[in-house]
């Protein structure tokens, strides 16, 4: 066979799998997308020395100067107070960064308040059909876009030392009850302080006392949350709960099992905490 007759071998190997955008967006690539939404924030928070957060939840529909605008003002002021206090703590890292869902409304107000105090602040945005855009007050490099709600909620809980929940709708209620359930079942270690801002609003929307009266929750579960009505009261409640001198700079565990068998417990006890997980946190169960 002459060279002219030699069949040509086309290079049809295609791209490497992890560079194949079509594959990564496919159903088969879903596990990789999910894992990426865990590993990328973990890597960034580790590099940026983010160890713990104060999470602000609340409606995206509450704007400055509009209906219920007093909540926007309050969220901004509380975030400023928290950030001013946290930046003055003696620590190798900036403790208690304000963290929000990254969008408008109460989220914008809290990120803005942290910026007012000259601090860093985090936004965990979610891709939605109506294009929720990150607000302009999130610190460069600490704005994240999530495809999956459950991975976004993991990162809300993973570093949270306290949560302040302003009036909101379905999304805010979902986030609130996720954290309440994790707290009630002992899946958050250390414990997280949950403040409900705007007592009249929350007592109208959710009758927590009725849940206890009807035996759906224990009376002691009502101690998982606290109502506050001013930035000053919320700030004092946070300071009473947060004990920076007693807390490790390692990221807290999200969902440590409350029980383990003897072999697992012995193995975990022998293993240095920093070796157990790349961020210094225990493994997520």
C-alpha atoms as a PDB file:
ATOM      1  CA  UNK A   1       0.000   0.000   0.000  1.00  0.00           C
ATOM      2  CA  UNK A   2       1.413   3.349  -1.029  1.00  0.00           C
ATOM      3  CA  UNK A   3       1.504   6.373   1.249  1.00  0.00           C
ATOM      4  CA  UNK A   4      -1.355   7.824  -0.766  1.00  0.00           C
ATOM      5  CA  UNK A   5      -3.425   4.763   0.051  1.00  0.00           C
ATOM      6  CA  UNK A   6      -2.578   4.724   3.768  1.00  0.00           C
ATOM      7  CA  UNK A   7      -5.784   5.443   5.733  1.00  0.00           C
ATOM      8  CA  UNK A   8      -5.681   8.633   7.774  1.00  0.00           C
ATOM      9  CA  UNK A   9      -6.136   8.205  11.530  1.00  0.00           C
ATOM     10  CA  UNK A  10      -8.176  11.148  12.803  1.00  0.00           C
ATOM     11  CA  UNK A  11      -7.548  12.292  16.354  1.00  0.00           C
ATOM     12  CA  UNK A  12     -11.052  11.677  17.693  1.00  0.00           C
ATOM     13  CA  UNK A  13     -10.133  11.163  21.306  1.00  0.00           C
ATOM     14  CA  UNK A  14     -12.159  14.176  22.395  1.00  0.00           C
ATOM     15  CA  UNK A  15     -11.435  16.365  25.427  1.00  0.00           C
ATOM     16  CA  UNK A  16     -10.427  15.096  28.825  1.00  0.00           C
ATOM     17  CA  UNK A  17     -13.559  14.228  30.798  1.00  0.00           C
ATOM     18  CA  UNK A  18     -13.056  16.969  33.366  1.00  0.00           C
ATOM     19  CA  UNK A  19     -12.735  19.523  30.548  1.00  0.00           C
ATOM     20  CA  UNK A  20     -15.781  18.297  28.660  1.00  0.00           C
ATOM     21  CA  UNK A  21     -18.456  20.916  29.345  1.00  0.00           C
ATOM     22  CA  UNK A  22     -21.161  18.887  27.610  1.00  0.00           C
ATOM     23  CA  UNK A  23     -20.450  15.877  29.836  1.00  0.00           C
ATOM     24  CA  UNK A  24     -20.244  17.961  33.011  1.00  0.00           C
ATOM     25  CA  UNK A  25     -23.677  19.452  32.244  1.00  0.00           C
ATOM     26  CA  UNK A  26     -25.209  16.050  31.558  1.00  0.00           C
ATOM     27  CA  UNK A  27     -27.170  13.791  33.898  1.00  0.00           C
ATOM     28  CA  UNK A  28     -24.106  11.566  34.210  1.00  0.00           C
ATOM     29  CA  UNK A  29     -22.028  14.540  35.360  1.00  0.00           C
ATOM     30  CA  UNK A  30     -24.407  15.481  38.190  1.00  0.00           C
ATOM     31  CA  UNK A  31     -22.351  13.801  40.962  1.00  0.00           C
ATOM     32  CA  UNK A  32     -19.309  15.822  39.863  1.00  0.00           C
ATOM     33  CA  UNK A  33     -21.288  19.062  39.905  1.00  0.00           C
ATOM     34  CA  UNK A  34     -22.545  18.307  43.408  1.00  0.00           C
ATOM     35  CA  UNK A  35     -19.065  17.441  44.655  1.00  0.00           C
ATOM     36  CA  UNK A  36     -17.661  20.610  43.105  1.00  0.00           C
ATOM     37  CA  UNK A  37     -20.156  22.711  45.046  1.00  0.00           C
ATOM     38  CA  UNK A  38     -18.725  21.200  48.211  1.00  0.00           C
ATOM     39  CA  UNK A  39     -15.018  21.248  47.357  1.00  0.00           C
ATOM     40  CA  UNK A  40     -14.665  24.692  45.788  1.00  0.00           C
ATOM     41  CA  UNK A  41     -16.099  26.667  48.745  1.00  0.00           C
ATOM     42  CA  UNK A  42     -14.103  24.457  51.100  1.00  0.00           C
ATOM     43  CA  UNK A  43     -10.900  25.347  49.262  1.00  0.00           C
ATOM     44  CA  UNK A  44     -11.691  29.069  49.139  1.00  0.00           C
ATOM     45  CA  UNK A  45     -12.688  29.310  52.806  1.00  0.00           C
ATOM     46  CA  UNK A  46      -9.525  27.496  53.802  1.00  0.00           C
ATOM     47  CA  UNK A  47      -7.295  29.832  51.781  1.00  0.00           C
ATOM     48  CA  UNK A  48      -9.149  32.943  52.929  1.00  0.00           C
ATOM     49  CA  UNK A  49      -9.072  31.836  56.607  1.00  0.00           C
ATOM     50  CA  UNK A  50     -12.833  31.847  57.019  1.00  0.00           C
ATOM     51  CA  UNK A  51     -13.661  29.767  60.088  1.00  0.00           C
ATOM     52  CA  UNK A  52     -17.077  30.867  61.284  1.00  0.00           C
ATOM     53  CA  UNK A  53     -19.967  33.028  60.185  1.00  0.00           C
ATOM     54  CA  UNK A  54     -23.057  34.896  61.327  1.00  0.00           C
ATOM     55  CA  UNK A  55     -25.761  34.030  58.802  1.00  0.00           C
ATOM     56  CA  UNK A  56     -28.525  36.483  57.873  1.00  0.00           C
ATOM     57  CA  UNK A  57     -31.702  35.124  56.283  1.00  0.00           C
ATOM     58  CA  UNK A  58     -34.659  37.195  55.083  1.00  0.00           C
ATOM     59  CA  UNK A  59     -36.778  38.276  52.164  1.00  0.00           C
ATOM     60  CA  UNK A  60     -35.287  39.409  48.866  1.00  0.00           C
ATOM     61  CA  UNK A  61     -38.377  41.612  48.446  1.00  0.00           C
ATOM     62  CA  UNK A  62     -37.671  44.031  51.306  1.00  0.00           C
ATOM     63  CA  UNK A  63     -35.891  47.071  49.940  1.00  0.00           C
ATOM     64  CA  UNK A  64     -34.444  50.193  51.469  1.00  0.00           C
ATOM     65  CA  UNK A  65     -37.138  52.829  51.916  1.00  0.00           C
ATOM     66  CA  UNK A  66     -39.961  50.594  50.681  1.00  0.00           C
ATOM     67  CA  UNK A  67     -42.658  48.661  52.556  1.00  0.00           C
ATOM     68  CA  UNK A  68     -41.109  47.006  55.609  1.00  0.00           C
ATOM     69  CA  UNK A  69     -37.945  48.981  54.880  1.00  0.00           C
ATOM     70  CA  UNK A  70     -37.270  49.209  58.618  1.00  0.00           C
ATOM     71  CA  UNK A  71     -36.121  45.588  58.439  1.00  0.00           C
ATOM     72  CA  UNK A  72     -33.593  46.481  55.731  1.00  0.00           C
ATOM     73  CA  UNK A  73     -32.246  49.260  57.949  1.00  0.00           C
ATOM     74  CA  UNK A  74     -32.108  46.954  60.972  1.00  0.00           C
ATOM     75  CA  UNK A  75     -30.285  44.181  59.101  1.00  0.00           C
ATOM     76  CA  UNK A  76     -27.718  46.651  57.829  1.00  0.00           C
ATOM     77  CA  UNK A  77     -27.169  48.091  61.309  1.00  0.00           C
ATOM     78  CA  UNK A  78     -26.893  44.694  62.995  1.00  0.00           C
ATOM     79  CA  UNK A  79     -24.383  43.484  60.402  1.00  0.00           C
ATOM     80  CA  UNK A  80     -22.351  46.637  60.994  1.00  0.00           C
ATOM     81  CA  UNK A  81     -22.352  46.098  64.756  1.00  0.00           C
ATOM     82  CA  UNK A  82     -21.336  42.443  64.434  1.00  0.00           C
ATOM     83  CA  UNK A  83     -18.559  43.245  61.976  1.00  0.00           C
ATOM     84  CA  UNK A  84     -17.130  46.114  64.012  1.00  0.00           C
ATOM     85  CA  UNK A  85     -17.046  43.867  67.078  1.00  0.00           C
ATOM     86  CA  UNK A  86     -15.589  40.864  65.274  1.00  0.00           C
ATOM     87  CA  UNK A  87     -12.802  42.810  63.589  1.00  0.00           C
ATOM     88  CA  UNK A  88     -11.676  43.998  67.029  1.00  0.00           C
ATOM     89  CA  UNK A  89     -11.239  40.476  68.391  1.00  0.00           C
ATOM     90  CA  UNK A  90      -7.737  39.178  69.002  1.00  0.00           C
ATOM     91  CA  UNK A  91      -7.501  36.352  66.490  1.00  0.00           C
ATOM     92  CA  UNK A  92      -5.264  35.281  63.592  1.00  0.00           C
ATOM     93  CA  UNK A  93      -8.395  35.321  61.476  1.00  0.00           C
ATOM     94  CA  UNK A  94     -11.336  37.666  61.045  1.00  0.00           C
ATOM     95  CA  UNK A  95     -13.965  35.865  63.108  1.00  0.00           C
ATOM     96  CA  UNK A  96     -17.726  35.854  62.568  1.00  0.00           C
ATOM     97  CA  UNK A  97     -18.038  37.041  58.997  1.00  0.00           C
ATOM     98  CA  UNK A  98     -21.499  38.098  57.907  1.00  0.00           C
ATOM     99  CA  UNK A  99     -22.851  35.552  55.420  1.00  0.00           C
ATOM    100  CA  UNK A 100     -26.010  35.866  53.326  1.00  0.00           C
ATOM    101  CA  UNK A 101     -27.712  34.326  50.322  1.00  0.00           C
ATOM    102  CA  UNK A 102     -26.019  36.965  48.207  1.00  0.00           C
ATOM    103  CA  UNK A 103     -29.120  38.486  46.639  1.00  0.00           C
ATOM    104  CA  UNK A 104     -31.155  41.676  47.164  1.00  0.00           C
ATOM    105  CA  UNK A 105     -33.343  42.730  50.088  1.00  0.00           C
ATOM    106  CA  UNK A 106     -32.285  41.615  53.556  1.00  0.00           C
ATOM    107  CA  UNK A 107     -29.298  39.815  52.032  1.00  0.00           C
ATOM    108  CA  UNK A 108     -28.032  43.009  50.445  1.00  0.00           C
ATOM    109  CA  UNK A 109     -28.645  44.949  53.663  1.00  0.00           C
ATOM    110  CA  UNK A 110     -26.516  42.563  55.744  1.00  0.00           C
ATOM    111  CA  UNK A 111     -23.646  42.451  53.249  1.00  0.00           C
ATOM    112  CA  UNK A 112     -23.824  46.236  53.023  1.00  0.00           C
ATOM    113  CA  UNK A 113     -23.671  46.642  56.795  1.00  0.00           C
ATOM    114  CA  UNK A 114     -20.524  44.524  56.955  1.00  0.00           C
ATOM    115  CA  UNK A 115     -18.953  46.710  54.275  1.00  0.00           C
ATOM    116  CA  UNK A 116     -19.966  49.816  56.246  1.00  0.00           C
ATOM    117  CA  UNK A 117     -17.753  48.478  59.058  1.00  0.00           C
ATOM    118  CA  UNK A 118     -14.855  47.745  56.704  1.00  0.00           C
ATOM    119  CA  UNK A 119     -15.158  43.964  57.013  1.00  0.00           C
ATOM    120  CA  UNK A 120     -15.259  41.028  54.651  1.00  0.00           C
ATOM    121  CA  UNK A 121     -18.617  39.452  53.891  1.00  0.00           C
ATOM    122  CA  UNK A 122     -19.828  36.313  52.117  1.00  0.00           C
ATOM    123  CA  UNK A 123     -22.601  35.714  49.562  1.00  0.00           C
ATOM    124  CA  UNK A 124     -23.928  32.240  48.727  1.00  0.00           C
ATOM    125  CA  UNK A 125     -26.033  32.941  45.664  1.00  0.00           C
ATOM    126  CA  UNK A 126     -28.367  30.467  43.936  1.00  0.00           C
ATOM    127  CA  UNK A 127     -29.068  30.186  40.235  1.00  0.00           C
ATOM    128  CA  UNK A 128     -32.813  30.699  39.691  1.00  0.00           C
ATOM    129  CA  UNK A 129     -35.026  31.018  36.603  1.00  0.00           C
ATOM    130  CA  UNK A 130     -35.621  34.696  37.357  1.00  0.00           C
ATOM    131  CA  UNK A 131     -31.862  35.329  37.614  1.00  0.00           C
ATOM    132  CA  UNK A 132     -31.149  36.326  41.185  1.00  0.00           C
ATOM    133  CA  UNK A 133     -28.036  38.435  40.822  1.00  0.00           C
ATOM    134  CA  UNK A 134     -25.354  38.822  43.511  1.00  0.00           C
ATOM    135  CA  UNK A 135     -25.578  42.153  45.281  1.00  0.00           C
ATOM    136  CA  UNK A 136     -22.603  44.542  44.931  1.00  0.00           C
ATOM    137  CA  UNK A 137     -21.536  44.424  48.600  1.00  0.00           C
ATOM    138  CA  UNK A 138     -20.076  40.897  48.698  1.00  0.00           C
ATOM    139  CA  UNK A 139     -16.307  40.747  49.165  1.00  0.00           C
ATOM    140  CA  UNK A 140     -14.399  39.866  45.983  1.00  0.00           C
ATOM    141  CA  UNK A 141     -13.557  36.183  46.021  1.00  0.00           C
ATOM    142  CA  UNK A 142     -16.235  35.357  48.604  1.00  0.00           C
ATOM    143  CA  UNK A 143     -19.202  35.330  46.217  1.00  0.00           C
ATOM    144  CA  UNK A 144     -20.357  31.826  45.280  1.00  0.00           C
ATOM    145  CA  UNK A 145     -22.939  30.633  42.762  1.00  0.00           C
ATOM    146  CA  UNK A 146     -24.783  27.396  43.543  1.00  0.00           C
ATOM    147  CA  UNK A 147     -26.909  25.213  41.318  1.00  0.00           C
ATOM    148  CA  UNK A 148     -28.206  23.011  44.115  1.00  0.00           C
ATOM    149  CA  UNK A 149     -30.199  24.345  47.051  1.00  0.00           C
ATOM    150  CA  UNK A 150     -29.067  21.541  49.349  1.00  0.00           C
ATOM    151  CA  UNK A 151     -25.367  22.272  48.776  1.00  0.00           C
ATOM    152  CA  UNK A 152     -25.981  25.962  49.374  1.00  0.00           C
ATOM    153  CA  UNK A 153     -27.784  25.153  52.630  1.00  0.00           C
ATOM    154  CA  UNK A 154     -24.907  22.917  53.677  1.00  0.00           C
ATOM    155  CA  UNK A 155     -22.545  25.886  53.448  1.00  0.00           C
ATOM    156  CA  UNK A 156     -24.940  28.104  55.376  1.00  0.00           C
ATOM    157  CA  UNK A 157     -24.894  25.585  58.224  1.00  0.00           C
ATOM    158  CA  UNK A 158     -21.313  24.375  57.947  1.00  0.00           C
ATOM    159  CA  UNK A 159     -19.613  27.493  59.307  1.00  0.00           C
ATOM    160  CA  UNK A 160     -22.508  29.142  61.152  1.00  0.00           C
ATOM    161  CA  UNK A 161     -22.094  30.087  64.790  1.00  0.00           C
ATOM    162  CA  UNK A 162     -25.343  32.076  64.829  1.00  0.00           C
ATOM    163  CA  UNK A 163     -28.278  32.767  62.519  1.00  0.00           C
ATOM    164  CA  UNK A 164     -30.465  35.877  62.391  1.00  0.00           C
ATOM    165  CA  UNK A 165     -33.741  35.354  60.534  1.00  0.00           C
ATOM    166  CA  UNK A 166     -35.577  38.448  59.323  1.00  0.00           C
ATOM    167  CA  UNK A 167     -39.109  38.348  57.894  1.00  0.00           C
ATOM    168  CA  UNK A 168     -39.321  36.361  54.691  1.00  0.00           C
ATOM    169  CA  UNK A 169     -41.324  33.889  52.623  1.00  0.00           C
ATOM    170  CA  UNK A 170     -40.972  30.279  51.540  1.00  0.00           C
ATOM    171  CA  UNK A 171     -37.194  30.404  51.097  1.00  0.00           C
ATOM    172  CA  UNK A 172     -36.615  32.017  54.476  1.00  0.00           C
ATOM    173  CA  UNK A 173     -38.943  29.534  56.196  1.00  0.00           C
ATOM    174  CA  UNK A 174     -37.156  26.638  54.503  1.00  0.00           C
ATOM    175  CA  UNK A 175     -33.782  27.878  55.719  1.00  0.00           C
ATOM    176  CA  UNK A 176     -35.083  28.544  59.232  1.00  0.00           C
ATOM    177  CA  UNK A 177     -36.619  25.106  59.707  1.00  0.00           C
ATOM    178  CA  UNK A 178     -33.574  23.370  58.257  1.00  0.00           C
ATOM    179  CA  UNK A 179     -31.411  24.974  60.962  1.00  0.00           C
ATOM    180  CA  UNK A 180     -33.994  24.362  63.688  1.00  0.00           C
ATOM    181  CA  UNK A 181     -34.173  20.672  62.758  1.00  0.00           C
ATOM    182  CA  UNK A 182     -30.399  20.287  62.755  1.00  0.00           C
ATOM    183  CA  UNK A 183     -30.242  21.996  66.146  1.00  0.00           C
ATOM    184  CA  UNK A 184     -33.117  19.996  67.611  1.00  0.00           C
ATOM    185  CA  UNK A 185     -31.552  16.696  66.551  1.00  0.00           C
ATOM    186  CA  UNK A 186     -28.082  17.563  67.830  1.00  0.00           C
ATOM    187  CA  UNK A 187     -26.523  17.634  64.379  1.00  0.00           C
ATOM    188  CA  UNK A 188     -24.830  21.009  64.831  1.00  0.00           C
ATOM    189  CA  UNK A 189     -21.668  21.075  66.890  1.00  0.00           C
ATOM    190  CA  UNK A 190     -21.069  23.569  68.362  1.00  0.00           C
ATOM    191  CA  UNK A 191     -24.606  24.784  68.903  1.00  0.00           C
ATOM    192  CA  UNK A 192     -25.947  27.626  66.792  1.00  0.00           C
ATOM    193  CA  UNK A 193     -27.881  30.573  68.208  1.00  0.00           C
ATOM    194  CA  UNK A 194     -31.060  31.234  66.194  1.00  0.00           C
ATOM    195  CA  UNK A 195     -32.585  34.709  66.479  1.00  0.00           C
ATOM    196  CA  UNK A 196     -35.939  35.626  64.937  1.00  0.00           C
ATOM    197  CA  UNK A 197     -35.981  39.343  64.177  1.00  0.00           C
ATOM    198  CA  UNK A 198     -39.431  40.918  64.381  1.00  0.00           C
ATOM    199  CA  UNK A 199     -41.409  39.116  67.094  1.00  0.00           C
ATOM    200  CA  UNK A 200     -44.845  40.275  65.868  1.00  0.00           C
ATOM    201  CA  UNK A 201     -44.183  39.004  62.364  1.00  0.00           C
ATOM    202  CA  UNK A 202     -42.873  35.617  63.433  1.00  0.00           C
ATOM    203  CA  UNK A 203     -45.563  34.980  66.054  1.00  0.00           C
ATOM    204  CA  UNK A 204     -48.211  35.668  63.408  1.00  0.00           C
ATOM    205  CA  UNK A 205     -46.571  33.493  60.743  1.00  0.00           C
ATOM    206  CA  UNK A 206     -45.582  30.493  62.905  1.00  0.00           C
ATOM    207  CA  UNK A 207     -47.271  29.506  66.166  1.00  0.00           C
ATOM    208  CA  UNK A 208     -44.301  27.802  67.784  1.00  0.00           C
ATOM    209  CA  UNK A 209     -46.113  27.593  71.139  1.00  0.00           C
ATOM    210  CA  UNK A 210     -48.945  25.637  69.504  1.00  0.00           C
ATOM    211  CA  UNK A 211     -46.460  23.047  68.262  1.00  0.00           C
ATOM    212  CA  UNK A 212     -45.368  22.488  71.850  1.00  0.00           C
ATOM    213  CA  UNK A 213     -48.946  22.483  73.220  1.00  0.00           C
ATOM    214  CA  UNK A 214     -49.974  19.827  70.728  1.00  0.00           C
ATOM    215  CA  UNK A 215     -46.950  17.688  71.496  1.00  0.00           C
ATOM    216  CA  UNK A 216     -45.336  18.067  68.086  1.00  0.00           C
ATOM    217  CA  UNK A 217     -42.157  19.423  69.698  1.00  0.00           C
ATOM    218  CA  UNK A 218     -40.925  19.355  73.284  1.00  0.00           C
ATOM    219  CA  UNK A 219     -41.379  22.484  75.364  1.00  0.00           C
ATOM    220  CA  UNK A 220     -37.612  22.672  75.715  1.00  0.00           C
ATOM    221  CA  UNK A 221     -37.304  22.937  71.926  1.00  0.00           C
ATOM    222  CA  UNK A 222     -38.675  26.467  72.180  1.00  0.00           C
ATOM    223  CA  UNK A 223     -35.350  27.420  73.724  1.00  0.00           C
ATOM    224  CA  UNK A 224     -33.699  26.817  70.341  1.00  0.00           C
ATOM    225  CA  UNK A 225     -34.888  30.231  69.169  1.00  0.00           C
ATOM    226  CA  UNK A 226     -35.080  33.737  70.562  1.00  0.00           C
ATOM    227  CA  UNK A 227     -37.161  36.720  69.446  1.00  0.00           C
ATOM    228  CA  UNK A 228     -35.492  40.123  69.086  1.00  0.00           C
ATOM    229  CA  UNK A 229     -36.834  43.490  67.973  1.00  0.00           C
ATOM    230  CA  UNK A 230     -33.864  45.826  67.658  1.00  0.00           C
ATOM    231  CA  UNK A 231     -30.305  45.673  66.329  1.00  0.00           C
ATOM    232  CA  UNK A 232     -28.978  46.415  69.822  1.00  0.00           C
ATOM    233  CA  UNK A 233     -30.962  43.558  71.403  1.00  0.00           C
ATOM    234  CA  UNK A 234     -29.923  41.158  68.645  1.00  0.00           C
ATOM    235  CA  UNK A 235     -26.278  42.152  68.994  1.00  0.00           C
ATOM    236  CA  UNK A 236     -26.299  41.606  72.744  1.00  0.00           C
ATOM    237  CA  UNK A 237     -27.948  38.208  72.294  1.00  0.00           C
ATOM    238  CA  UNK A 238     -25.237  37.234  69.816  1.00  0.00           C
ATOM    239  CA  UNK A 239     -22.451  38.387  72.126  1.00  0.00           C
ATOM    240  CA  UNK A 240     -23.893  36.349  74.990  1.00  0.00           C
ATOM    241  CA  UNK A 241     -23.856  33.224  72.828  1.00  0.00           C
ATOM    242  CA  UNK A 242     -20.548  33.677  71.027  1.00  0.00           C
ATOM    243  CA  UNK A 243     -17.439  32.900  73.045  1.00  0.00           C
ATOM    244  CA  UNK A 244     -14.450  33.537  70.765  1.00  0.00           C
ATOM    245  CA  UNK A 245     -11.891  32.821  73.494  1.00  0.00           C
ATOM    246  CA  UNK A 246     -13.313  29.339  74.009  1.00  0.00           C
ATOM    247  CA  UNK A 247     -13.687  28.402  70.366  1.00  0.00           C
ATOM    248  CA  UNK A 248     -11.240  26.719  68.062  1.00  0.00           C
ATOM    249  CA  UNK A 249     -10.291  28.379  64.792  1.00  0.00           C
ATOM    250  CA  UNK A 250     -11.097  25.096  63.044  1.00  0.00           C
ATOM    251  CA  UNK A 251     -14.306  24.983  61.070  1.00  0.00           C
ATOM    252  CA  UNK A 252     -17.128  23.455  63.120  1.00  0.00           C
ATOM    253  CA  UNK A 253     -18.666  20.134  62.188  1.00  0.00           C
ATOM    254  CA  UNK A 254     -21.924  20.241  60.300  1.00  0.00           C
ATOM    255  CA  UNK A 255     -23.486  16.907  61.119  1.00  0.00           C
ATOM    256  CA  UNK A 256     -21.450  14.753  63.440  1.00  0.00           C
ATOM    257  CA  UNK A 257     -23.241  11.547  64.352  1.00  0.00           C
ATOM    258  CA  UNK A 258     -24.449  11.580  67.946  1.00  0.00           C
ATOM    259  CA  UNK A 259     -23.470   7.924  68.373  1.00  0.00           C
ATOM    260  CA  UNK A 260     -20.744   5.684  66.986  1.00  0.00           C
ATOM    261  CA  UNK A 261     -19.594   2.172  67.567  1.00  0.00           C
ATOM    262  CA  UNK A 262     -16.539   1.456  69.722  1.00  0.00           C
ATOM    263  CA  UNK A 263     -14.180   0.929  66.788  1.00  0.00           C
ATOM    264  CA  UNK A 264     -15.199   4.172  65.054  1.00  0.00           C
ATOM    265  CA  UNK A 265     -14.987   6.197  68.263  1.00  0.00           C
ATOM    266  CA  UNK A 266     -11.542   4.819  69.090  1.00  0.00           C
ATOM    267  CA  UNK A 267     -10.248   5.516  65.585  1.00  0.00           C
ATOM    268  CA  UNK A 268     -11.582   9.089  65.576  1.00  0.00           C
ATOM    269  CA  UNK A 269     -10.124   9.765  69.017  1.00  0.00           C
ATOM    270  CA  UNK A 270      -6.659   8.666  67.891  1.00  0.00           C
ATOM    271  CA  UNK A 271      -6.704  10.703  64.686  1.00  0.00           C
ATOM    272  CA  UNK A 272      -5.621  14.378  64.889  1.00  0.00           C
ATOM    273  CA  UNK A 273      -8.521  16.630  64.048  1.00  0.00           C
ATOM    274  CA  UNK A 274      -6.684  18.432  61.254  1.00  0.00           C
ATOM    275  CA  UNK A 275      -5.988  15.070  59.600  1.00  0.00           C
ATOM    276  CA  UNK A 276      -9.608  14.000  59.837  1.00  0.00           C
ATOM    277  CA  UNK A 277     -10.783  16.652  57.405  1.00  0.00           C
ATOM    278  CA  UNK A 278      -8.924  19.123  55.189  1.00  0.00           C
ATOM    279  CA  UNK A 279     -10.560  22.134  56.853  1.00  0.00           C
ATOM    280  CA  UNK A 280     -10.033  20.938  60.393  1.00  0.00           C
ATOM    281  CA  UNK A 281     -13.701  19.996  60.702  1.00  0.00           C
ATOM    282  CA  UNK A 282     -14.967  16.513  61.413  1.00  0.00           C
ATOM    283  CA  UNK A 283     -16.438  14.552  58.560  1.00  0.00           C
ATOM    284  CA  UNK A 284     -19.983  15.248  57.418  1.00  0.00           C
ATOM    285  CA  UNK A 285     -22.191  12.229  58.052  1.00  0.00           C
END
